[in-house]
Amino acid sequence: MNRTGRMIVMSSVAAALVVSGSISAEAVGAGAVPGAASAQAVHDAGRGRVVSVTHLRTLSARQVTAELRSDEDGPDWDTGSVRYGVDTYRVVYRTVDAKGRPTTASGLLAFPRGGERRLRTVSFTHGTELFKGDVASVSTEVWGQAPALTYASAGFAVVLPDYLGLGLGSGPQAWMDVPSETTAALDLLRAAASVAPTVGRQLGHEVLATGFSQGASAALALTRALQEGADPRFRVAAVAPVSGAYAFREVAFPSLLDGQADAKAGVIYTALALVSFNRLHHVYDSPGEVFRAPYSRTIERLLDGTHTGQEVVAKTPNTIDALLTRHGRALIAHPTGGLAAALRITDGVCTGWTPKMPMRLYYAEGDEQAVNGNSEHCQASFRAQGVDVPLVDLGTPDYGGSRHLGSQQAATGAVVRWFASLG
């Protein structure tokens, strides 16, 4: 989770936007890519077409540095790579939902105020957020803004998808649904390619993919999709996932049940998994099968994206055994049926493909949410396919008492330096 503790307890800012202009959808047109048959299908579906663009902020390099040093919830973010000022934009664009039906999603774009006209692009996919208003396109909290500001001020174009159902997207989020996270990220890249010329920039062919926690899996899935030809305009040049839950069945779920992971985080992740996966894979007929009363009556509404993190913390128990029925606990321990089907997809991001670009897996020692066994399992999976993916130990970074959160902050500085070195 992004901020179990900080996010769930503290983040509720939804609409503090600095809006200073807009660009019409007609000015940017469609984000479709000509050429392959699959690209024509994308064009026909309107995927990546821009609905609206709103200019949010203009910051000088000095203001970027000041903001990265202004986070009251943790230590300063690394400012060593700040070279340029930054412009940020909120984009609403066309994509498809988790069942392949047309819908819209939102995301944040950031461009440096200087440097080359043609830019390499960083795709950053964020960690778990419970409240629609806590993503970077609609919140100005430093936590959500820092990756965009860090990468853009270093000279990259940056795209940060909100995922389905978050930000200005409709409906509940499809949490950890890797296919829809992939389409949301890919279609925002297409939209960004259309927006860039209207602000005097151009996206180059190279994409550098990174993501934190939930977004680590999304970054791997986007990388695989592009490697397999999902859009010939883009090629992933390097990928840097951070503190992901890559192996729910083998590592993540067991760590929640045996006390390796933080207990409250375990409650909320478990609830998210059962509720969100049930929407797509039919895990249960009624909440009472897996959730104890009184939570069985409230948990689905509580996780619909309209409740703040504080509300979720206050209205959920502190232990998994207080949350789950005997059947629910057994299902988490030994997934079957719809849950097993969901996990075959979620746990597939490190299996069944061989990355052809540099990759590093970043982690913090003693991560209390995404335990280190996740990264080790992913590394072993790639090694079995003949690829040696190094693990990068970030040490024991702390952000608000969390090493998990600290890993995002520490990795952001480390990854931007690695990406810059690849130029």
Protein backbone atom coordinates (compact mmCIF):
# COMPACT_ATOMS: atom_id res chain seq x y z
CA MET A 1 0.00 0.00 0.00
CA ASN A 2 1.19 3.49 -0.67
CA ARG A 3 0.67 4.93 2.75
CA THR A 4 -0.84 2.58 5.29
CA GLY A 5 -0.25 4.79 8.27
CA ARG A 6 0.49 7.98 6.40
CA MET A 7 -1.88 7.57 3.47
CA ILE A 8 -4.73 5.93 5.28
CA VAL A 9 -4.51 8.13 8.35
CA MET A 10 -3.46 11.44 6.91
CA SER A 11 -4.25 12.03 3.27
CA SER A 12 -7.59 13.61 2.42
CA VAL A 13 -6.71 16.57 0.21
CA ALA A 14 -8.68 16.15 -3.00
CA ALA A 15 -9.24 19.43 -4.77
CA ALA A 16 -6.38 21.80 -3.95
CA LEU A 17 -5.56 22.49 -7.57
CA VAL A 18 -3.73 25.40 -9.10
CA VAL A 19 -5.48 25.69 -12.45
CA SER A 20 -4.01 28.20 -14.84
CA GLY A 21 -5.30 27.26 -18.26
CA SER A 22 -6.50 24.46 -20.51
CA ILE A 23 -6.01 22.94 -23.93
CA SER A 24 -8.97 21.72 -25.92
CA ALA A 25 -9.35 18.10 -26.88
CA GLU A 26 -9.66 19.17 -30.50
CA ALA A 27 -6.19 20.71 -30.35
CA VAL A 28 -4.57 17.41 -29.51
CA GLY A 29 -6.80 14.91 -31.32
CA ALA A 30 -6.32 11.17 -31.12
CA GLY A 31 -3.41 9.35 -29.58
CA ALA A 32 -3.63 6.40 -31.94
CA VAL A 33 -0.60 4.96 -33.62
CA PRO A 34 -0.71 4.18 -37.34
CA GLY A 35 0.81 1.06 -38.79
CA ALA A 36 0.05 -2.33 -37.27
CA ALA A 37 -3.39 -3.90 -37.31
CA SER A 38 -3.50 -3.74 -33.53
CA ALA A 39 -2.82 -0.01 -33.70
CA GLN A 40 -5.76 0.39 -36.09
CA ALA A 41 -7.98 -1.41 -33.60
CA VAL A 42 -6.80 0.99 -30.93
CA HIS A 43 -7.68 3.91 -33.21
CA ASP A 44 -11.12 2.51 -33.91
CA ALA A 45 -11.78 2.15 -30.18
CA GLY A 46 -10.55 5.68 -29.48
CA ARG A 47 -8.04 4.48 -26.94
CA GLY A 48 -5.60 7.19 -25.95
CA ARG A 49 -7.77 9.96 -27.38
CA VAL A 50 -7.63 13.06 -25.20
CA VAL A 51 -10.87 14.29 -23.65
CA SER A 52 -9.42 17.29 -21.80
CA VAL A 53 -6.13 18.76 -20.63
CA THR A 54 -5.84 21.20 -17.73
CA HIS A 55 -2.64 23.05 -16.96
CA LEU A 56 -2.13 22.72 -13.21
CA ARG A 57 1.16 24.33 -12.19
CA THR A 58 4.30 26.04 -13.37
CA LEU A 59 7.28 25.73 -11.03
CA SER A 60 10.79 27.07 -11.38
CA ALA A 61 13.72 24.81 -10.55
CA ARG A 62 14.05 26.65 -7.25
CA GLN A 63 10.37 26.04 -6.48
CA VAL A 64 10.72 22.34 -7.35
CA THR A 65 13.62 22.08 -4.93
CA ALA A 66 11.68 23.89 -2.23
CA GLU A 67 8.67 21.63 -2.65
CA LEU A 68 10.74 18.46 -2.51
CA ARG A 69 12.16 19.76 0.76
CA SER A 70 8.79 20.72 2.22
CA ASP A 71 7.28 17.30 3.00
CA GLU A 72 6.17 17.47 6.63
CA ASP A 73 5.48 13.73 6.81
CA GLY A 74 9.00 12.53 6.09
CA PRO A 75 12.58 13.55 5.30
CA ASP A 76 13.44 15.70 2.30
CA TRP A 77 13.23 14.13 -1.13
CA ASP A 78 16.45 13.93 -3.13
CA THR A 79 16.96 17.18 -5.05
CA GLY A 80 20.35 16.33 -6.56
CA SER A 81 18.92 15.81 -10.05
CA VAL A 82 16.85 19.02 -10.23
CA ARG A 83 17.94 20.99 -13.32
CA TYR A 84 14.76 22.52 -14.73
CA GLY A 85 11.46 23.98 -13.74
CA VAL A 86 8.34 21.89 -14.38
CA ASP A 87 4.87 22.26 -15.90
CA THR A 88 2.19 19.79 -14.85
CA TYR A 89 -1.09 18.92 -16.55
CA ARG A 90 -4.09 16.81 -15.69
CA VAL A 91 -5.29 14.73 -18.66
CA VAL A 92 -8.58 12.90 -19.07
CA TYR A 93 -8.36 10.33 -21.85
CA ARG A 94 -10.21 7.42 -23.40
CA THR A 95 -9.29 3.88 -22.46
CA VAL A 96 -11.08 0.61 -21.69
CA ASP A 97 -12.27 -0.76 -18.38
CA ALA A 98 -11.37 -4.08 -16.80
CA LYS A 99 -13.93 -5.83 -19.03
CA GLY A 100 -12.78 -4.14 -22.21
CA ARG A 101 -15.60 -1.59 -22.42
CA PRO A 102 -14.89 2.03 -23.43
CA THR A 103 -14.38 4.39 -20.49
CA THR A 104 -12.25 7.34 -19.45
CA ALA A 105 -9.40 7.69 -17.01
CA SER A 106 -7.23 10.52 -15.75
CA GLY A 107 -3.55 11.04 -15.11
CA LEU A 108 -0.79 13.57 -14.60
CA LEU A 109 1.70 14.73 -17.20
CA ALA A 110 4.84 16.68 -16.33
CA PHE A 111 7.33 18.34 -18.66
CA PRO A 112 10.63 20.07 -17.92
CA ARG A 113 10.82 23.81 -18.60
CA GLY A 114 14.01 23.48 -20.59
CA GLY A 115 16.28 20.93 -22.17
CA GLU A 116 15.75 19.14 -25.46
CA ARG A 117 12.50 19.43 -27.40
CA ARG A 118 12.39 15.65 -27.94
CA LEU A 119 12.19 13.92 -24.56
CA ARG A 120 12.58 10.46 -23.16
CA THR A 121 9.53 9.53 -21.10
CA VAL A 122 9.30 8.11 -17.60
CA SER A 123 6.13 6.14 -16.86
CA PHE A 124 5.56 6.09 -13.10
CA THR A 125 2.78 3.89 -11.73
CA HIS A 126 1.83 4.68 -8.15
CA GLY A 127 1.16 2.57 -5.09
CA THR A 128 -2.22 1.76 -3.60
CA GLU A 129 -4.57 4.65 -2.92
CA LEU A 130 -7.98 4.17 -1.33
CA PHE A 131 -9.51 7.59 -2.00
CA LYS A 132 -10.10 8.91 -5.51
CA GLY A 133 -8.71 12.30 -4.55
CA ASP A 134 -5.33 11.08 -3.32
CA VAL A 135 -3.68 10.60 -6.73
CA ALA A 136 -1.25 13.06 -8.27
CA SER A 137 -3.61 14.47 -10.90
CA VAL A 138 -5.97 15.91 -8.27
CA SER A 139 -3.93 16.19 -5.07
CA THR A 140 -1.02 18.53 -4.44
CA GLU A 141 0.46 16.54 -1.56
CA VAL A 142 4.23 16.26 -1.87
CA TRP A 143 4.04 12.46 -1.62
CA GLY A 144 2.09 12.12 -4.84
CA GLN A 145 3.80 14.97 -6.65
CA ALA A 146 7.41 14.09 -5.82
CA PRO A 147 8.00 11.45 -8.53
CA ALA A 148 6.62 13.73 -11.25
CA LEU A 149 8.67 16.69 -10.04
CA THR A 150 11.84 14.62 -9.61
CA TYR A 151 11.82 13.02 -13.06
CA ALA A 152 10.56 16.07 -14.97
CA SER A 153 13.04 18.46 -13.33
CA ALA A 154 15.81 16.06 -14.38
CA GLY A 155 14.77 16.51 -18.02
CA PHE A 156 12.27 13.70 -18.66
CA ALA A 157 8.66 13.84 -19.77
CA VAL A 158 6.63 12.04 -17.09
CA VAL A 159 3.29 10.22 -17.24
CA LEU A 160 1.49 9.12 -14.07
CA PRO A 161 -1.76 7.21 -14.69
CA ASP A 162 -4.35 7.35 -11.92
CA TYR A 163 -5.68 3.86 -12.84
CA LEU A 164 -9.34 3.12 -13.43
CA GLY A 165 -11.73 4.56 -10.86
CA LEU A 166 -9.24 6.93 -9.25
CA GLY A 167 -8.79 10.63 -9.90
CA LEU A 168 -11.55 11.65 -12.30
CA GLY A 169 -12.26 8.09 -13.41
CA SER A 170 -15.73 6.68 -12.82
CA GLY A 171 -16.66 3.66 -10.73
CA PRO A 172 -14.60 1.74 -8.16
CA GLN A 173 -10.96 1.05 -8.83
CA ALA A 174 -9.89 -2.31 -10.20
CA TRP A 175 -7.19 -2.80 -7.56
CA MET A 176 -4.25 -4.97 -8.67
CA ASP A 177 -5.99 -5.85 -11.92
CA VAL A 178 -2.82 -5.97 -13.97
CA PRO A 179 -4.47 -5.94 -17.44
CA SER A 180 -6.44 -2.75 -16.80
CA GLU A 181 -3.46 -1.10 -15.11
CA THR A 182 -1.53 -1.86 -18.29
CA THR A 183 -4.14 -0.40 -20.63
CA ALA A 184 -4.51 2.71 -18.46
CA ALA A 185 -0.74 3.28 -18.48
CA LEU A 186 -0.34 2.56 -22.19
CA ASP A 187 -3.26 4.76 -23.21
CA LEU A 188 -1.91 7.64 -21.12
CA LEU A 189 1.38 7.31 -23.01
CA ARG A 190 -0.60 7.62 -26.24
CA ALA A 191 -2.46 10.65 -24.91
CA ALA A 192 0.80 12.23 -23.76
CA ALA A 193 2.28 11.82 -27.25
CA SER A 194 -0.63 13.90 -28.56
CA VAL A 195 -0.42 16.55 -25.85
CA ALA A 196 3.35 17.07 -26.04
CA PRO A 197 3.43 18.96 -29.40
CA THR A 198 0.79 21.40 -28.15
CA VAL A 199 3.19 22.49 -25.42
CA GLY A 200 6.24 22.56 -27.67
CA ARG A 201 7.64 19.11 -26.84
CA GLN A 202 7.81 15.71 -28.48
CA LEU A 203 7.94 12.27 -26.92
CA GLY A 204 10.80 10.14 -28.14
CA HIS A 205 10.67 6.43 -28.76
CA GLU A 206 12.19 5.45 -25.41
CA VAL A 207 10.13 4.85 -22.29
CA LEU A 208 11.67 4.27 -18.87
CA ALA A 209 9.23 2.39 -16.67
CA THR A 210 9.11 2.50 -12.89
CA GLY A 211 6.49 2.11 -10.21
CA PHE A 212 6.07 1.63 -6.50
CA SER A 213 4.23 -1.10 -4.55
CA GLN A 214 1.05 -1.79 -6.55
CA GLY A 215 2.67 0.22 -9.32
CA ALA A 216 5.72 -2.06 -9.41
CA SER A 217 3.60 -4.82 -10.92
CA ALA A 218 1.99 -2.30 -13.28
CA ALA A 219 5.43 -1.15 -14.47
CA LEU A 220 6.45 -4.74 -15.25
CA ALA A 221 3.20 -5.41 -17.08
CA LEU A 222 3.51 -2.24 -19.18
CA THR A 223 7.08 -3.22 -20.02
CA ARG A 224 6.00 -6.68 -21.15
CA ALA A 225 3.14 -5.30 -23.24
CA LEU A 226 5.41 -2.87 -25.06
CA GLN A 227 8.12 -5.47 -25.56
CA GLU A 228 5.49 -7.70 -27.16
CA GLY A 229 4.48 -4.96 -29.59
CA ALA A 230 1.43 -3.35 -27.99
CA ASP A 231 2.39 -0.04 -29.59
CA PRO A 232 5.29 0.25 -32.05
CA ARG A 233 5.77 3.91 -31.22
CA PHE A 234 7.20 3.10 -27.77
CA ARG A 235 10.09 0.94 -26.60
CA VAL A 236 10.96 0.40 -22.94
CA ALA A 237 14.65 1.16 -22.51
CA ALA A 238 14.87 0.24 -18.82
CA VAL A 239 12.56 -0.77 -15.98
CA ALA A 240 12.90 -0.16 -12.24
CA PRO A 241 10.10 -1.61 -10.10
CA VAL A 242 10.17 -0.69 -6.39
CA SER A 243 8.88 -2.78 -3.46
CA GLY A 244 6.23 -4.74 -5.33
CA ALA A 245 3.94 -7.56 -4.26
CA TYR A 246 4.90 -9.84 -7.11
CA ALA A 247 3.83 -13.15 -5.56
CA PHE A 248 0.54 -13.02 -3.67
CA ARG A 249 0.04 -16.76 -3.41
CA GLU A 250 3.60 -17.69 -2.45
CA VAL A 251 4.74 -14.65 -0.46
CA ALA A 252 2.36 -11.72 0.08
CA PHE A 253 -0.69 -13.57 1.44
CA PRO A 254 1.38 -15.84 3.71
CA SER A 255 3.18 -12.79 5.12
CA LEU A 256 -0.17 -11.20 5.97
CA LEU A 257 -1.39 -14.35 7.73
CA ASP A 258 1.73 -15.24 9.69
CA GLY A 259 2.49 -11.80 11.10
CA GLN A 260 5.53 -10.94 8.97
CA ALA A 261 3.71 -7.91 7.56
CA ASP A 262 2.18 -5.00 9.44
CA ALA A 263 -1.15 -6.15 10.88
CA LYS A 264 -3.24 -3.14 9.89
CA ALA A 265 -1.77 -3.11 6.40
CA GLY A 266 -2.62 -6.79 6.19
CA VAL A 267 -6.24 -6.11 7.06
CA ILE A 268 -6.65 -3.50 4.37
CA TYR A 269 -4.76 -5.38 1.66
CA THR A 270 -6.77 -8.51 2.37
CA ALA A 271 -10.04 -6.61 2.24
CA LEU A 272 -9.01 -4.90 -1.00
CA ALA A 273 -8.02 -8.19 -2.58
CA LEU A 274 -11.27 -9.95 -1.77
CA VAL A 275 -13.55 -7.03 -2.65
CA SER A 276 -11.74 -5.93 -5.79
CA PHE A 277 -11.07 -9.39 -7.18
CA ASN A 278 -14.69 -10.36 -6.53
CA ARG A 279 -15.86 -7.64 -8.90
CA LEU A 280 -14.07 -9.35 -11.77
CA HIS A 281 -13.59 -12.99 -10.78
CA HIS A 282 -16.52 -13.92 -8.47
CA VAL A 283 -14.69 -14.79 -5.28
CA TYR A 284 -17.82 -14.93 -3.10
CA ASP A 285 -21.61 -14.73 -3.41
CA SER A 286 -22.10 -12.44 -0.43
CA PRO A 287 -19.62 -10.55 1.78
CA GLY A 288 -20.72 -12.53 4.82
CA GLU A 289 -19.04 -15.63 3.37
CA VAL A 290 -15.58 -14.14 3.86
CA PHE A 291 -16.00 -11.11 6.17
CA ARG A 292 -17.19 -11.19 9.76
CA ALA A 293 -19.97 -8.93 10.98
CA PRO A 294 -20.19 -5.96 11.18
CA TYR A 295 -17.62 -5.55 8.39
CA SER A 296 -19.54 -7.79 6.03
CA ARG A 297 -22.23 -5.09 5.91
CA THR A 298 -19.89 -2.17 5.27
CA ILE A 299 -16.65 -3.27 3.63
CA GLU A 300 -17.69 -3.09 -0.03
CA ARG A 301 -19.02 0.47 0.33
CA LEU A 302 -16.01 1.46 2.40
CA LEU A 303 -13.67 0.46 -0.43
CA ASP A 304 -15.55 2.19 -3.25
CA GLY A 305 -13.04 5.04 -3.60
CA THR A 306 -15.22 7.73 -2.02
CA HIS A 307 -13.99 7.19 1.55
CA THR A 308 -10.76 8.66 2.82
CA GLY A 309 -7.93 6.67 4.24
CA GLN A 310 -8.82 7.89 7.72
CA GLU A 311 -12.30 6.45 7.35
CA VAL A 312 -10.97 3.10 6.17
CA VAL A 313 -8.62 2.87 9.14
CA ALA A 314 -11.32 3.80 11.60
CA LYS A 315 -13.90 1.38 10.22
CA THR A 316 -11.77 -1.75 9.82
CA PRO A 317 -10.39 -4.04 12.54
CA ASN A 318 -6.76 -4.28 13.52
CA THR A 319 -6.25 -7.97 12.80
CA ILE A 320 -7.07 -10.30 9.94
CA ASP A 321 -8.74 -12.76 12.28
CA ALA A 322 -11.18 -10.04 13.35
CA LEU A 323 -11.91 -9.29 9.69
CA LEU A 324 -12.28 -12.72 8.13
CA THR A 325 -14.57 -15.66 8.67
CA ARG A 326 -13.04 -19.10 8.92
CA HIS A 327 -13.83 -19.62 5.24
CA GLY A 328 -12.33 -16.25 4.32
CA ARG A 329 -9.09 -17.02 6.13
CA ALA A 330 -8.88 -20.46 4.54
CA LEU A 331 -9.42 -18.89 1.12
CA ILE A 332 -6.52 -16.48 1.63
CA ALA A 333 -4.32 -19.31 2.89
CA HIS A 334 -5.24 -21.66 0.02
CA PRO A 335 -6.78 -19.69 -2.86
CA THR A 336 -9.32 -21.49 -5.01
CA GLY A 337 -11.98 -20.56 -7.56
CA GLY A 338 -12.18 -16.92 -8.55
CA LEU A 339 -9.45 -15.85 -6.18
CA ALA A 340 -7.04 -18.40 -7.64
CA ALA A 341 -7.96 -17.17 -11.14
CA ALA A 342 -7.22 -13.57 -10.13
CA LEU A 343 -3.88 -14.52 -8.62
CA ARG A 344 -2.77 -16.37 -11.72
CA ILE A 345 -2.90 -13.00 -13.47
CA THR A 346 -1.56 -10.85 -10.63
CA ASP A 347 1.31 -13.22 -9.90
CA GLY A 348 2.28 -13.50 -13.57
CA VAL A 349 4.23 -10.24 -13.91
CA CYS A 350 7.60 -11.94 -13.33
CA THR A 351 6.87 -15.17 -15.20
CA GLY A 352 6.30 -16.26 -18.78
CA TRP A 353 8.42 -13.61 -20.47
CA THR A 354 12.07 -12.65 -20.82
CA PRO A 355 12.85 -8.93 -20.52
CA LYS A 356 15.20 -7.62 -23.20
CA MET A 357 16.13 -4.38 -21.47
CA PRO A 358 18.06 -3.48 -18.31
CA MET A 359 16.03 -4.10 -15.17
CA ARG A 360 16.66 -3.52 -11.48
CA LEU A 361 14.38 -4.54 -8.61
CA TYR A 362 14.55 -2.07 -5.72
CA TYR A 363 13.63 -2.94 -2.14
CA ALA A 364 14.10 -1.79 1.46
CA GLU A 365 15.40 -4.16 4.12
CA GLY A 366 12.63 -5.30 6.45
CA ASP A 367 9.80 -3.81 4.41
CA GLU A 368 6.76 -4.18 6.65
CA GLN A 369 4.21 -4.23 3.82
CA ALA A 370 5.78 -5.74 0.69
CA VAL A 371 8.07 -8.19 2.46
CA ASN A 372 11.43 -8.79 0.81
CA GLY A 373 10.48 -12.28 -0.29
CA ASN A 374 8.40 -10.70 -3.06
CA SER A 375 11.46 -9.20 -4.75
CA GLU A 376 13.49 -12.37 -4.19
CA HIS A 377 10.70 -14.45 -5.73
CA CYS A 378 10.55 -12.17 -8.76
CA GLN A 379 14.31 -12.29 -9.19
CA ALA A 380 14.26 -16.10 -8.99
CA SER A 381 11.46 -16.26 -11.57
CA PHE A 382 13.46 -14.22 -14.07
CA ARG A 383 16.61 -16.19 -13.31
CA ALA A 384 14.72 -19.38 -14.17
CA GLN A 385 14.07 -17.80 -17.56
CA GLY A 386 17.75 -17.06 -18.07
CA VAL A 387 17.80 -13.40 -17.03
CA ASP A 388 19.83 -12.11 -14.10
CA VAL A 389 17.92 -9.15 -12.64
CA PRO A 390 19.86 -7.47 -9.84
CA LEU A 391 18.25 -6.60 -6.53
CA VAL A 392 19.10 -3.10 -5.33
CA ASP A 393 19.13 -2.84 -1.54
CA LEU A 394 17.97 0.62 -0.44
CA GLY A 395 18.93 -0.08 3.16
CA THR A 396 16.46 0.95 5.87
CA PRO A 397 14.91 4.22 4.69
CA ASP A 398 12.21 5.64 6.93
CA TYR A 399 9.20 7.72 5.94
CA GLY A 400 6.73 8.37 8.74
CA GLY A 401 7.87 5.23 10.52
CA SER A 402 7.53 3.02 7.44
CA ARG A 403 10.33 1.36 5.50
CA HIS A 404 7.87 0.53 2.74
CA LEU A 405 7.09 4.20 2.23
CA GLY A 406 10.72 5.05 2.73
CA SER A 407 11.61 2.78 -0.16
CA GLN A 408 9.62 4.93 -2.59
CA GLN A 409 11.40 8.05 -1.42
CA ALA A 410 14.85 6.47 -1.47
CA ALA A 411 14.27 4.75 -4.81
CA THR A 412 13.03 7.90 -6.54
CA GLY A 413 16.44 9.52 -6.16
CA ALA A 414 18.30 6.32 -7.03
CA VAL A 415 16.19 5.53 -10.09
CA VAL A 416 16.34 9.03 -11.60
CA ARG A 417 20.15 8.86 -11.42
CA TRP A 418 20.16 5.42 -13.07
CA PHE A 419 17.78 6.51 -15.82
CA ALA A 420 19.85 9.64 -16.48
CA SER A 421 23.01 7.54 -16.74
CA LEU A 422 21.45 5.48 -19.55
CA GLY A 423 21.18 8.47 -21.85
